[in-house]
Amino acid sequence: MRSAKKFVKLYEEAAEQDKGRRLDLPKSWDEVHALEQRIDPKYFQNEDAVLRTKAYLGLLGQTRYFGFYLAMRESDFALLNNVLFQTSRHALLAGSVAASGTDHSVELMNVLSALSCNDIAVVDAFLPRDLPLCRGSWYAEVAVNLLCTLYYNEPERLPEARVKAEKFLSKKGDTWGRGTVLYLLALIDKDAQKAGEHLQALCVSYQRLTHSGNKSYNALEKCFAEEIHGLYRFARMVDEDLFASIAQPNHACFSREFEAWQRQQGYPEGEQFYVYPPELEYMNRILRAELPHVRLEPPLNKREVYRDEEQFAKDLTENALRSGS
């Protein structure tokens, strides 16, 4: 991986400079466990099971950057695939039990991360077929409409989704949002050349995004564009012949070596890479639980539609408790 050495160097420098241990940048499993032990156990002992689920998802997850650090330090693509699986699942679940004031499109980036490790089930769960097209004009809403039209093979929804996309593209916007929409339109039009060009441009746009308010995290995120791998791999999920014709980006944030490994291994779905210790076993249950489907609250008016995070939290809790029985 072209960016692996850079990621490792940035990680180790940031961890060394973090004398106050304010960042979640452990360099060993002992340090991971030490971070977990800093959390007051009372937050994990709530008698309300739903609140307990929210606490686990909100307070744990210190292994994200550490997992990438291990995978890139060892050039271990199997581990990288599993890190992508666990960290994207955790992010999707944590985001879906917390109030956001948005519809389901808010999780687009995390869904794309999950697709980079072939976790196809997240589309059905977090962007389910029975939900209506997103109503707004934010790029993620426009992109989710196109993605779902492709994934669920719903040509009857395509005209409306395309009109929304063309309206979005007629206005000025950030290059990342425009590139994502243009790429999905290229897939719909079966234009492999344009799809490849848009992926290349997205790699450049990815470097301009603010991935985190923390300078160290932001620098680490730019080394490996998991979401672009997800966009690229999505083409395979909807049209293998088209996918075979799309040129991979030539950019440090996109790993052609990882894609070669994926092809050689038959595009395996990732697995949980870190099993939490016995005192945090409920987190393992959450990660192993069957994914609930996102639902929407009854609309407040013609334009505003929101996810029902409380219902998702209840459904996830039921599934997690069941997974441990």
C-alpha atoms as a PDB file:
ATOM      1  CA  MET A   1       0.000   0.000   0.000  1.00  0.00           C
ATOM      2  CA  ARG A   2       1.431   3.321  -1.098  1.00  0.00           C
ATOM      3  CA  SER A   3       0.114   5.176   1.937  1.00  0.00           C
ATOM      4  CA  ALA A   4       0.801   2.511   4.567  1.00  0.00           C
ATOM      5  CA  LYS A   5       4.191   3.858   5.654  1.00  0.00           C
ATOM      6  CA  LYS A   6       2.778   7.373   5.843  1.00  0.00           C
ATOM      7  CA  PHE A   7      -0.153   6.203   7.992  1.00  0.00           C
ATOM      8  CA  VAL A   8       2.142   4.303  10.365  1.00  0.00           C
ATOM      9  CA  LYS A   9       4.502   7.280  10.656  1.00  0.00           C
ATOM     10  CA  LEU A  10       1.666   9.746  11.311  1.00  0.00           C
ATOM     11  CA  TYR A  11       0.075   7.393  13.837  1.00  0.00           C
ATOM     12  CA  GLU A  12       3.263   6.787  15.807  1.00  0.00           C
ATOM     13  CA  GLU A  13       4.150  10.490  15.846  1.00  0.00           C
ATOM     14  CA  ALA A  14       0.673  11.472  17.043  1.00  0.00           C
ATOM     15  CA  ALA A  15       0.656   8.739  19.698  1.00  0.00           C
ATOM     16  CA  GLU A  16       4.087   9.807  20.942  1.00  0.00           C
ATOM     17  CA  GLN A  17       3.066  13.464  21.161  1.00  0.00           C
ATOM     18  CA  ASP A  18      -0.160  12.625  22.988  1.00  0.00           C
ATOM     19  CA  LYS A  19       1.368  12.701  26.457  1.00  0.00           C
ATOM     20  CA  GLY A  20      -1.964  13.451  28.091  1.00  0.00           C
ATOM     21  CA  ARG A  21      -3.563  10.424  26.418  1.00  0.00           C
ATOM     22  CA  ARG A  22      -6.425  12.523  25.105  1.00  0.00           C
ATOM     23  CA  LEU A  23      -6.493  10.687  21.776  1.00  0.00           C
ATOM     24  CA  ASP A  24      -7.561   7.093  21.151  1.00  0.00           C
ATOM     25  CA  LEU A  25      -4.233   6.118  19.581  1.00  0.00           C
ATOM     26  CA  PRO A  26      -2.978   3.078  21.514  1.00  0.00           C
ATOM     27  CA  LYS A  27       0.167   1.295  20.321  1.00  0.00           C
ATOM     28  CA  SER A  28      -0.503  -2.067  21.968  1.00  0.00           C
ATOM     29  CA  TRP A  29      -3.415  -4.202  23.078  1.00  0.00           C
ATOM     30  CA  ASP A  30      -2.495  -3.428  26.689  1.00  0.00           C
ATOM     31  CA  GLU A  31      -3.050   0.249  25.930  1.00  0.00           C
ATOM     32  CA  VAL A  32      -6.385  -0.594  24.284  1.00  0.00           C
ATOM     33  CA  HIS A  33      -7.513  -2.324  27.460  1.00  0.00           C
ATOM     34  CA  ALA A  34      -6.234   0.579  29.553  1.00  0.00           C
ATOM     35  CA  LEU A  35      -8.413   2.966  27.529  1.00  0.00           C
ATOM     36  CA  GLU A  36     -11.420   0.734  28.129  1.00  0.00           C
ATOM     37  CA  GLN A  37     -10.730   0.569  31.852  1.00  0.00           C
ATOM     38  CA  ARG A  38     -10.789   4.369  32.090  1.00  0.00           C
ATOM     39  CA  ILE A  39     -14.531   4.281  31.408  1.00  0.00           C
ATOM     40  CA  ASP A  40     -16.634   4.328  34.581  1.00  0.00           C
ATOM     41  CA  PRO A  41     -18.344   0.884  34.780  1.00  0.00           C
ATOM     42  CA  LYS A  42     -21.573   2.507  35.967  1.00  0.00           C
ATOM     43  CA  TYR A  43     -22.318   3.518  32.365  1.00  0.00           C
ATOM     44  CA  PHE A  44     -22.432  -0.152  31.382  1.00  0.00           C
ATOM     45  CA  GLN A  45     -24.699  -1.206  34.253  1.00  0.00           C
ATOM     46  CA  ASN A  46     -27.869   0.702  33.442  1.00  0.00           C
ATOM     47  CA  GLU A  47     -30.967  -1.373  34.188  1.00  0.00           C
ATOM     48  CA  ASP A  48     -32.573   0.010  31.036  1.00  0.00           C
ATOM     49  CA  ALA A  49     -31.254  -2.324  28.320  1.00  0.00           C
ATOM     50  CA  VAL A  50     -31.747   0.233  25.541  1.00  0.00           C
ATOM     51  CA  LEU A  51     -29.735   2.871  27.414  1.00  0.00           C
ATOM     52  CA  ARG A  52     -27.097   0.227  28.076  1.00  0.00           C
ATOM     53  CA  THR A  53     -26.857  -0.480  24.336  1.00  0.00           C
ATOM     54  CA  LYS A  54     -26.413   3.220  23.608  1.00  0.00           C
ATOM     55  CA  ALA A  55     -23.715   3.500  26.275  1.00  0.00           C
ATOM     56  CA  TYR A  56     -21.688   0.609  24.872  1.00  0.00           C
ATOM     57  CA  LEU A  57     -21.841   1.987  21.345  1.00  0.00           C
ATOM     58  CA  GLY A  58     -21.102   5.535  22.441  1.00  0.00           C
ATOM     59  CA  LEU A  59     -18.225   4.842  24.810  1.00  0.00           C
ATOM     60  CA  LEU A  60     -16.373   1.978  23.123  1.00  0.00           C
ATOM     61  CA  GLY A  61     -14.698   1.848  19.720  1.00  0.00           C
ATOM     62  CA  GLN A  62     -11.154   2.890  20.615  1.00  0.00           C
ATOM     63  CA  THR A  63      -9.770   0.279  18.215  1.00  0.00           C
ATOM     64  CA  ARG A  64     -10.560   2.095  14.944  1.00  0.00           C
ATOM     65  CA  TYR A  65      -7.235   3.769  14.253  1.00  0.00           C
ATOM     66  CA  PHE A  66      -5.308   1.082  16.116  1.00  0.00           C
ATOM     67  CA  GLY A  67      -6.791  -1.568  13.834  1.00  0.00           C
ATOM     68  CA  PHE A  68      -5.742   0.331  10.729  1.00  0.00           C
ATOM     69  CA  TYR A  69      -2.327   0.885  12.302  1.00  0.00           C
ATOM     70  CA  LEU A  70      -1.793  -2.849  12.822  1.00  0.00           C
ATOM     71  CA  ALA A  71      -3.042  -3.762   9.351  1.00  0.00           C
ATOM     72  CA  MET A  72      -0.885  -1.183   7.593  1.00  0.00           C
ATOM     73  CA  ARG A  73       2.180  -1.832   9.694  1.00  0.00           C
ATOM     74  CA  GLU A  74       2.036  -5.528   8.781  1.00  0.00           C
ATOM     75  CA  SER A  75       0.603  -5.056   5.244  1.00  0.00           C
ATOM     76  CA  ASP A  76      -2.107  -7.510   6.309  1.00  0.00           C
ATOM     77  CA  PHE A  77      -5.046  -7.197   3.919  1.00  0.00           C
ATOM     78  CA  ALA A  78      -7.135  -9.847   5.677  1.00  0.00           C
ATOM     79  CA  LEU A  79      -6.826  -7.860   8.895  1.00  0.00           C
ATOM     80  CA  LEU A  80      -7.602  -4.637   7.028  1.00  0.00           C
ATOM     81  CA  ASN A  81     -10.777  -6.220   5.650  1.00  0.00           C
ATOM     82  CA  ASN A  82     -11.834  -7.207   9.155  1.00  0.00           C
ATOM     83  CA  VAL A  83     -10.986  -3.801  10.619  1.00  0.00           C
ATOM     84  CA  LEU A  84     -13.145  -2.185   7.950  1.00  0.00           C
ATOM     85  CA  PHE A  85     -15.978  -4.550   8.845  1.00  0.00           C
ATOM     86  CA  GLN A  86     -15.962  -3.936  12.591  1.00  0.00           C
ATOM     87  CA  THR A  87     -15.316  -0.202  12.512  1.00  0.00           C
ATOM     88  CA  SER A  88     -17.945   0.522   9.857  1.00  0.00           C
ATOM     89  CA  ARG A  89     -20.535  -1.649  11.626  1.00  0.00           C
ATOM     90  CA  HIS A  90     -19.802   0.083  14.916  1.00  0.00           C
ATOM     91  CA  ALA A  91     -20.106   3.512  13.304  1.00  0.00           C
ATOM     92  CA  LEU A  92     -23.384   2.612  11.596  1.00  0.00           C
ATOM     93  CA  LEU A  93     -24.913   1.202  14.773  1.00  0.00           C
ATOM     94  CA  ALA A  94     -23.708   4.070  16.960  1.00  0.00           C
ATOM     95  CA  GLY A  95     -25.031   6.627  14.505  1.00  0.00           C
ATOM     96  CA  SER A  96     -28.383   4.926  14.143  1.00  0.00           C
ATOM     97  CA  VAL A  97     -29.219   4.919  17.867  1.00  0.00           C
ATOM     98  CA  ALA A  98     -28.361   8.611  18.306  1.00  0.00           C
ATOM     99  CA  ALA A  99     -30.698  11.459  17.400  1.00  0.00           C
ATOM    100  CA  SER A 100     -29.566  13.120  14.176  1.00  0.00           C
ATOM    101  CA  GLY A 101     -32.506  15.153  12.895  1.00  0.00           C
ATOM    102  CA  THR A 102     -31.988  13.587   9.462  1.00  0.00           C
ATOM    103  CA  ASP A 103     -33.266  10.749   7.323  1.00  0.00           C
ATOM    104  CA  HIS A 104     -31.380   7.566   6.457  1.00  0.00           C
ATOM    105  CA  SER A 105     -29.039   9.289   3.974  1.00  0.00           C
ATOM    106  CA  VAL A 106     -26.885  10.581   6.841  1.00  0.00           C
ATOM    107  CA  GLU A 107     -25.138   7.194   6.999  1.00  0.00           C
ATOM    108  CA  LEU A 108     -23.995   7.195   3.358  1.00  0.00           C
ATOM    109  CA  MET A 109     -20.273   7.483   4.137  1.00  0.00           C
ATOM    110  CA  ASN A 110     -20.413   4.685   6.699  1.00  0.00           C
ATOM    111  CA  VAL A 111     -22.341   2.481   4.264  1.00  0.00           C
ATOM    112  CA  LEU A 112     -19.649   3.072   1.646  1.00  0.00           C
ATOM    113  CA  SER A 113     -16.992   2.130   4.216  1.00  0.00           C
ATOM    114  CA  ALA A 114     -18.853  -1.114   4.873  1.00  0.00           C
ATOM    115  CA  LEU A 115     -19.025  -1.911   1.165  1.00  0.00           C
ATOM    116  CA  SER A 116     -15.223  -1.718   1.036  1.00  0.00           C
ATOM    117  CA  CYS A 117     -15.160  -5.010   2.983  1.00  0.00           C
ATOM    118  CA  ASN A 118     -18.128  -6.484   1.079  1.00  0.00           C
ATOM    119  CA  ASP A 119     -20.580  -6.086   3.969  1.00  0.00           C
ATOM    120  CA  ILE A 120     -23.565  -5.950   1.629  1.00  0.00           C
ATOM    121  CA  ALA A 121     -26.106  -6.527   4.411  1.00  0.00           C
ATOM    122  CA  VAL A 122     -25.739  -2.927   5.561  1.00  0.00           C
ATOM    123  CA  VAL A 123     -27.528  -1.628   2.464  1.00  0.00           C
ATOM    124  CA  ASP A 124     -30.632  -3.676   3.223  1.00  0.00           C
ATOM    125  CA  ALA A 125     -30.548  -2.617   6.878  1.00  0.00           C
ATOM    126  CA  PHE A 126     -29.616   1.059   6.742  1.00  0.00           C
ATOM    127  CA  LEU A 127     -30.987   1.963   3.296  1.00  0.00           C
ATOM    128  CA  PRO A 128     -33.913  -0.490   3.143  1.00  0.00           C
ATOM    129  CA  ARG A 129     -35.937  -0.999   0.012  1.00  0.00           C
ATOM    130  CA  ASP A 130     -39.281  -0.017   1.517  1.00  0.00           C
ATOM    131  CA  LEU A 131     -38.216   3.543   2.361  1.00  0.00           C
ATOM    132  CA  PRO A 132     -39.231   6.324  -0.031  1.00  0.00           C
ATOM    133  CA  LEU A 133     -36.767   8.375  -2.040  1.00  0.00           C
ATOM    134  CA  CYS A 134     -35.044  11.045   0.027  1.00  0.00           C
ATOM    135  CA  ARG A 135     -36.780  14.398  -0.348  1.00  0.00           C
ATOM    136  CA  GLY A 136     -33.957  16.844   0.229  1.00  0.00           C
ATOM    137  CA  SER A 137     -31.236  18.314  -1.965  1.00  0.00           C
ATOM    138  CA  TRP A 138     -28.143  17.472   0.125  1.00  0.00           C
ATOM    139  CA  TYR A 139     -25.653  15.417  -1.903  1.00  0.00           C
ATOM    140  CA  ALA A 140     -26.041  12.352   0.328  1.00  0.00           C
ATOM    141  CA  GLU A 141     -29.804  12.341  -0.189  1.00  0.00           C
ATOM    142  CA  VAL A 142     -29.362  12.582  -3.956  1.00  0.00           C
ATOM    143  CA  ALA A 143     -26.656   9.898  -3.933  1.00  0.00           C
ATOM    144  CA  VAL A 144     -28.663   7.500  -1.755  1.00  0.00           C
ATOM    145  CA  ASN A 145     -31.579   7.750  -4.181  1.00  0.00           C
ATOM    146  CA  LEU A 146     -29.309   6.735  -7.061  1.00  0.00           C
ATOM    147  CA  LEU A 147     -27.543   4.033  -5.058  1.00  0.00           C
ATOM    148  CA  CYS A 148     -30.808   2.410  -3.975  1.00  0.00           C
ATOM    149  CA  THR A 149     -32.279   2.614  -7.477  1.00  0.00           C
ATOM    150  CA  LEU A 150     -29.247   0.680  -8.714  1.00  0.00           C
ATOM    151  CA  TYR A 151     -28.949  -1.777  -5.843  1.00  0.00           C
ATOM    152  CA  TYR A 152     -32.622  -2.736  -5.769  1.00  0.00           C
ATOM    153  CA  ASN A 153     -32.941  -2.581  -9.571  1.00  0.00           C
ATOM    154  CA  GLU A 154     -35.932  -0.242  -9.522  1.00  0.00           C
ATOM    155  CA  PRO A 155     -36.160   1.440 -12.941  1.00  0.00           C
ATOM    156  CA  GLU A 156     -39.535   2.911 -11.999  1.00  0.00           C
ATOM    157  CA  ARG A 157     -37.796   5.131  -9.435  1.00  0.00           C
ATOM    158  CA  LEU A 158     -34.996   6.165 -11.751  1.00  0.00           C
ATOM    159  CA  PRO A 159     -36.711   9.129 -13.488  1.00  0.00           C
ATOM    160  CA  GLU A 160     -37.413  10.906 -10.189  1.00  0.00           C
ATOM    161  CA  ALA A 161     -33.974  10.060  -8.790  1.00  0.00           C
ATOM    162  CA  ARG A 162     -32.290  11.349 -11.946  1.00  0.00           C
ATOM    163  CA  VAL A 163     -34.274  14.597 -11.950  1.00  0.00           C
ATOM    164  CA  LYS A 164     -33.188  15.249  -8.359  1.00  0.00           C
ATOM    165  CA  ALA A 165     -29.589  14.473  -9.339  1.00  0.00           C
ATOM    166  CA  GLU A 166     -29.609  16.793 -12.347  1.00  0.00           C
ATOM    167  CA  LYS A 167     -31.121  19.575 -10.248  1.00  0.00           C
ATOM    168  CA  PHE A 168     -28.370  19.055  -7.671  1.00  0.00           C
ATOM    169  CA  LEU A 169     -25.667  19.154 -10.356  1.00  0.00           C
ATOM    170  CA  SER A 170     -27.071  22.359 -11.842  1.00  0.00           C
ATOM    171  CA  LYS A 171     -26.007  24.243  -8.719  1.00  0.00           C
ATOM    172  CA  LYS A 172     -22.576  24.921  -7.293  1.00  0.00           C
ATOM    173  CA  GLY A 173     -21.424  22.423  -4.712  1.00  0.00           C
ATOM    174  CA  ASP A 174     -18.389  20.754  -3.223  1.00  0.00           C
ATOM    175  CA  THR A 175     -16.388  18.492  -5.507  1.00  0.00           C
ATOM    176  CA  TRP A 176     -16.858  15.434  -3.286  1.00  0.00           C
ATOM    177  CA  GLY A 177     -20.639  15.582  -3.402  1.00  0.00           C
ATOM    178  CA  ARG A 178     -20.720  16.283  -7.134  1.00  0.00           C
ATOM    179  CA  GLY A 179     -18.215  13.530  -7.846  1.00  0.00           C
ATOM    180  CA  THR A 180     -20.194  10.961  -5.875  1.00  0.00           C
ATOM    181  CA  VAL A 181     -23.411  11.782  -7.722  1.00  0.00           C
ATOM    182  CA  LEU A 182     -21.659  11.825 -11.113  1.00  0.00           C
ATOM    183  CA  TYR A 183     -20.057   8.438 -10.416  1.00  0.00           C
ATOM    184  CA  LEU A 184     -23.403   6.832  -9.568  1.00  0.00           C
ATOM    185  CA  LEU A 185     -24.962   8.348 -12.689  1.00  0.00           C
ATOM    186  CA  ALA A 186     -22.104   6.860 -14.725  1.00  0.00           C
ATOM    187  CA  LEU A 187     -22.954   3.439 -13.282  1.00  0.00           C
ATOM    188  CA  ILE A 188     -26.597   3.922 -14.221  1.00  0.00           C
ATOM    189  CA  ASP A 189     -25.535   4.910 -17.751  1.00  0.00           C
ATOM    190  CA  LYS A 190     -23.076   1.980 -17.856  1.00  0.00           C
ATOM    191  CA  ASP A 191     -20.269   4.355 -18.779  1.00  0.00           C
ATOM    192  CA  ALA A 192     -17.124   2.698 -17.433  1.00  0.00           C
ATOM    193  CA  GLN A 193     -14.790   5.410 -18.702  1.00  0.00           C
ATOM    194  CA  LYS A 194     -16.629   8.213 -16.912  1.00  0.00           C
ATOM    195  CA  ALA A 195     -16.978   6.090 -13.785  1.00  0.00           C
ATOM    196  CA  GLY A 196     -13.210   5.641 -13.663  1.00  0.00           C
ATOM    197  CA  GLU A 197     -12.614   9.337 -14.252  1.00  0.00           C
ATOM    198  CA  HIS A 198     -14.969  10.282 -11.426  1.00  0.00           C
ATOM    199  CA  LEU A 199     -13.261   7.850  -9.034  1.00  0.00           C
ATOM    200  CA  GLN A 200      -9.917   9.444  -9.863  1.00  0.00           C
ATOM    201  CA  ALA A 201     -11.322  12.919  -9.217  1.00  0.00           C
ATOM    202  CA  LEU A 202     -12.883  11.748  -5.953  1.00  0.00           C
ATOM    203  CA  CYS A 203      -9.457  10.733  -4.649  1.00  0.00           C
ATOM    204  CA  VAL A 204      -8.323  14.336  -5.090  1.00  0.00           C
ATOM    205  CA  SER A 205     -11.516  15.661  -3.485  1.00  0.00           C
ATOM    206  CA  TYR A 206     -11.043  13.267  -0.563  1.00  0.00           C
ATOM    207  CA  GLN A 207      -7.882  15.120   0.419  1.00  0.00           C
ATOM    208  CA  ARG A 208      -9.862  18.360   0.720  1.00  0.00           C
ATOM    209  CA  LEU A 209     -12.531  16.958   3.023  1.00  0.00           C
ATOM    210  CA  THR A 210     -12.527  17.644   6.743  1.00  0.00           C
ATOM    211  CA  HIS A 211     -12.909  14.136   8.115  1.00  0.00           C
ATOM    212  CA  SER A 212     -12.425  15.136  11.741  1.00  0.00           C
ATOM    213  CA  GLY A 213     -12.053  18.275  13.798  1.00  0.00           C
ATOM    214  CA  ASN A 214      -8.925  16.723  15.275  1.00  0.00           C
ATOM    215  CA  LYS A 215      -5.810  17.460  13.215  1.00  0.00           C
ATOM    216  CA  SER A 216      -4.189  14.069  13.852  1.00  0.00           C
ATOM    217  CA  TYR A 217      -7.319  12.072  13.045  1.00  0.00           C
ATOM    218  CA  ASN A 218      -7.921  14.155   9.927  1.00  0.00           C
ATOM    219  CA  ALA A 219      -4.430  13.424   8.599  1.00  0.00           C
ATOM    220  CA  LEU A 220      -4.839   9.694   9.248  1.00  0.00           C
ATOM    221  CA  GLU A 221      -8.207   9.552   7.505  1.00  0.00           C
ATOM    222  CA  LYS A 222      -6.775  10.991   4.293  1.00  0.00           C
ATOM    223  CA  CYS A 223      -4.271   8.149   3.913  1.00  0.00           C
ATOM    224  CA  PHE A 224      -6.809   5.478   2.989  1.00  0.00           C
ATOM    225  CA  ALA A 225     -10.089   6.356   1.272  1.00  0.00           C
ATOM    226  CA  GLU A 226     -12.215   3.418   2.340  1.00  0.00           C
ATOM    227  CA  GLU A 227     -15.361   5.119   1.016  1.00  0.00           C
ATOM    228  CA  ILE A 228     -13.877   5.292  -2.493  1.00  0.00           C
ATOM    229  CA  HIS A 229     -13.065   1.595  -2.293  1.00  0.00           C
ATOM    230  CA  GLY A 230     -16.715   1.155  -1.321  1.00  0.00           C
ATOM    231  CA  LEU A 231     -17.932   3.143  -4.320  1.00  0.00           C
ATOM    232  CA  TYR A 232     -15.663   1.133  -6.621  1.00  0.00           C
ATOM    233  CA  ARG A 233     -16.773  -2.194  -5.127  1.00  0.00           C
ATOM    234  CA  PHE A 234     -20.428  -1.166  -5.322  1.00  0.00           C
ATOM    235  CA  ALA A 235     -20.136  -1.354  -9.109  1.00  0.00           C
ATOM    236  CA  ARG A 236     -19.325  -5.054  -8.785  1.00  0.00           C
ATOM    237  CA  MET A 237     -22.433  -5.600  -6.680  1.00  0.00           C
ATOM    238  CA  VAL A 238     -24.745  -4.194  -9.337  1.00  0.00           C
ATOM    239  CA  ASP A 239     -22.970  -5.004 -12.635  1.00  0.00           C
ATOM    240  CA  GLU A 240     -19.916  -7.278 -12.716  1.00  0.00           C
ATOM    241  CA  ASP A 241     -19.249  -6.721 -16.420  1.00  0.00           C
ATOM    242  CA  LEU A 242     -19.255  -2.951 -15.963  1.00  0.00           C
ATOM    243  CA  PHE A 243     -17.083  -3.288 -12.864  1.00  0.00           C
ATOM    244  CA  ALA A 244     -14.471  -5.209 -14.841  1.00  0.00           C
ATOM    245  CA  SER A 245     -14.180  -2.276 -17.262  1.00  0.00           C
ATOM    246  CA  ILE A 246     -13.793   0.519 -14.686  1.00  0.00           C
ATOM    247  CA  ALA A 247     -10.235   1.771 -14.274  1.00  0.00           C
ATOM    248  CA  GLN A 248      -9.006   1.894 -10.701  1.00  0.00           C
ATOM    249  CA  PRO A 249      -7.810   5.286  -9.455  1.00  0.00           C
ATOM    250  CA  ASN A 250      -4.098   6.000  -9.462  1.00  0.00           C
ATOM    251  CA  HIS A 251      -3.738   7.785  -6.131  1.00  0.00           C
ATOM    252  CA  ALA A 252      -1.982   7.122  -2.840  1.00  0.00           C
ATOM    253  CA  CYS A 253      -5.282   7.013  -0.913  1.00  0.00           C
ATOM    254  CA  PHE A 254      -6.583   4.153  -3.091  1.00  0.00           C
ATOM    255  CA  SER A 255      -4.869   0.786  -2.677  1.00  0.00           C
ATOM    256  CA  ARG A 256      -4.690  -1.245  -5.868  1.00  0.00           C
ATOM    257  CA  GLU A 257      -2.897  -3.909  -3.846  1.00  0.00           C
ATOM    258  CA  PHE A 258      -5.926  -4.239  -1.579  1.00  0.00           C
ATOM    259  CA  GLU A 259      -8.169  -4.591  -4.612  1.00  0.00           C
ATOM    260  CA  ALA A 260      -5.877  -7.268  -6.073  1.00  0.00           C
ATOM    261  CA  TRP A 261      -6.097  -9.151  -2.769  1.00  0.00           C
ATOM    262  CA  GLN A 262      -9.887  -8.827  -2.814  1.00  0.00           C
ATOM    263  CA  ARG A 263     -10.060 -10.304  -6.297  1.00  0.00           C
ATOM    264  CA  GLN A 264      -7.717 -13.177  -5.426  1.00  0.00           C
ATOM    265  CA  GLN A 265      -9.717 -14.020  -2.296  1.00  0.00           C
ATOM    266  CA  GLY A 266     -13.122 -13.827  -4.001  1.00  0.00           C
ATOM    267  CA  TYR A 267     -14.205 -10.592  -2.289  1.00  0.00           C
ATOM    268  CA  PRO A 268     -14.709 -11.973   1.240  1.00  0.00           C
ATOM    269  CA  GLU A 269     -16.961 -10.289   3.755  1.00  0.00           C
ATOM    270  CA  GLY A 270     -15.061  -8.968   6.736  1.00  0.00           C
ATOM    271  CA  GLU A 271     -15.368 -10.317  10.268  1.00  0.00           C
ATOM    272  CA  GLN A 272     -15.041  -8.961  13.788  1.00  0.00           C
ATOM    273  CA  PHE A 273     -11.302  -8.447  14.316  1.00  0.00           C
ATOM    274  CA  TYR A 274     -11.333  -7.559  18.022  1.00  0.00           C
ATOM    275  CA  VAL A 275     -13.326  -9.621  20.507  1.00  0.00           C
ATOM    276  CA  TYR A 276     -14.043  -7.592  23.629  1.00  0.00           C
ATOM    277  CA  PRO A 277     -13.013  -9.103  27.002  1.00  0.00           C
ATOM    278  CA  PRO A 278     -15.584 -10.909  29.197  1.00  0.00           C
ATOM    279  CA  GLU A 279     -16.454  -7.813  31.229  1.00  0.00           C
ATOM    280  CA  LEU A 280     -17.503  -6.107  27.975  1.00  0.00           C
ATOM    281  CA  GLU A 281     -19.147  -9.145  26.390  1.00  0.00           C
ATOM    282  CA  TYR A 282     -22.333  -7.222  25.667  1.00  0.00           C
ATOM    283  CA  MET A 283     -20.413  -5.247  23.022  1.00  0.00           C
ATOM    284  CA  ASN A 284     -19.680  -8.527  21.235  1.00  0.00           C
ATOM    285  CA  ARG A 285     -23.385  -9.337  21.331  1.00  0.00           C
ATOM    286  CA  ILE A 286     -24.223  -5.983  19.782  1.00  0.00           C
ATOM    287  CA  LEU A 287     -21.739  -6.520  16.951  1.00  0.00           C
ATOM    288  CA  ARG A 288     -22.983 -10.075  16.337  1.00  0.00           C
ATOM    289  CA  ALA A 289     -26.661  -9.141  16.464  1.00  0.00           C
ATOM    290  CA  GLU A 290     -28.892  -9.314  13.414  1.00  0.00           C
ATOM    291  CA  LEU A 291     -29.078  -5.862  11.876  1.00  0.00           C
ATOM    292  CA  PRO A 292     -32.452  -4.145  12.361  1.00  0.00           C
ATOM    293  CA  HIS A 293     -33.912  -2.180   9.468  1.00  0.00           C
ATOM    294  CA  VAL A 294     -33.969   1.590   9.753  1.00  0.00           C
ATOM    295  CA  ARG A 295     -37.452   3.064   9.888  1.00  0.00           C
ATOM    296  CA  LEU A 296     -38.725   6.588   9.468  1.00  0.00           C
ATOM    297  CA  GLU A 297     -40.904   8.519  11.858  1.00  0.00           C
ATOM    298  CA  PRO A 298     -44.294   9.722  10.588  1.00  0.00           C
ATOM    299  CA  PRO A 299     -43.588  12.855   8.506  1.00  0.00           C
ATOM    300  CA  LEU A 300     -44.039  16.175  10.272  1.00  0.00           C
ATOM    301  CA  ASN A 301     -44.752  17.881   6.966  1.00  0.00           C
ATOM    302  CA  LYS A 302     -44.204  17.360   3.247  1.00  0.00           C
ATOM    303  CA  ARG A 303     -40.448  18.001   3.413  1.00  0.00           C
ATOM    304  CA  GLU A 304     -39.182  16.845   6.787  1.00  0.00           C
ATOM    305  CA  VAL A 305     -38.607  13.138   7.321  1.00  0.00           C
ATOM    306  CA  TYR A 306     -36.492  11.711  10.141  1.00  0.00           C
ATOM    307  CA  ARG A 307     -35.113   8.351  11.152  1.00  0.00           C
ATOM    308  CA  ASP A 308     -36.730   6.643  14.104  1.00  0.00           C
ATOM    309  CA  GLU A 309     -33.586   6.180  16.182  1.00  0.00           C
ATOM    310  CA  GLU A 310     -35.455   5.042  19.288  1.00  0.00           C
ATOM    311  CA  GLN A 311     -37.123   2.197  17.431  1.00  0.00           C
ATOM    312  CA  PHE A 312     -33.795   1.165  15.934  1.00  0.00           C
ATOM    313  CA  ALA A 313     -32.211   1.160  19.405  1.00  0.00           C
ATOM    314  CA  LYS A 314     -35.028  -1.018  20.759  1.00  0.00           C
ATOM    315  CA  ASP A 315     -34.795  -3.462  17.858  1.00  0.00           C
ATOM    316  CA  LEU A 316     -31.009  -3.667  18.125  1.00  0.00           C
ATOM    317  CA  THR A 317     -31.215  -4.268  21.876  1.00  0.00           C
ATOM    318  CA  GLU A 318     -33.692  -7.113  21.397  1.00  0.00           C
ATOM    319  CA  ASN A 319     -31.448  -8.693  18.780  1.00  0.00           C
ATOM    320  CA  ALA A 320     -28.334  -8.263  20.930  1.00  0.00           C
ATOM    321  CA  LEU A 321     -29.972  -9.876  23.955  1.00  0.00           C
ATOM    322  CA  ARG A 322     -31.141 -12.706  21.725  1.00  0.00           C
ATOM    323  CA  SER A 323     -27.657 -13.192  20.250  1.00  0.00           C
ATOM    324  CA  GLY A 324     -26.288 -13.971  23.699  1.00  0.00           C
ATOM    325  CA  SER A 325     -28.928 -16.515  24.615  1.00  0.00           C
END
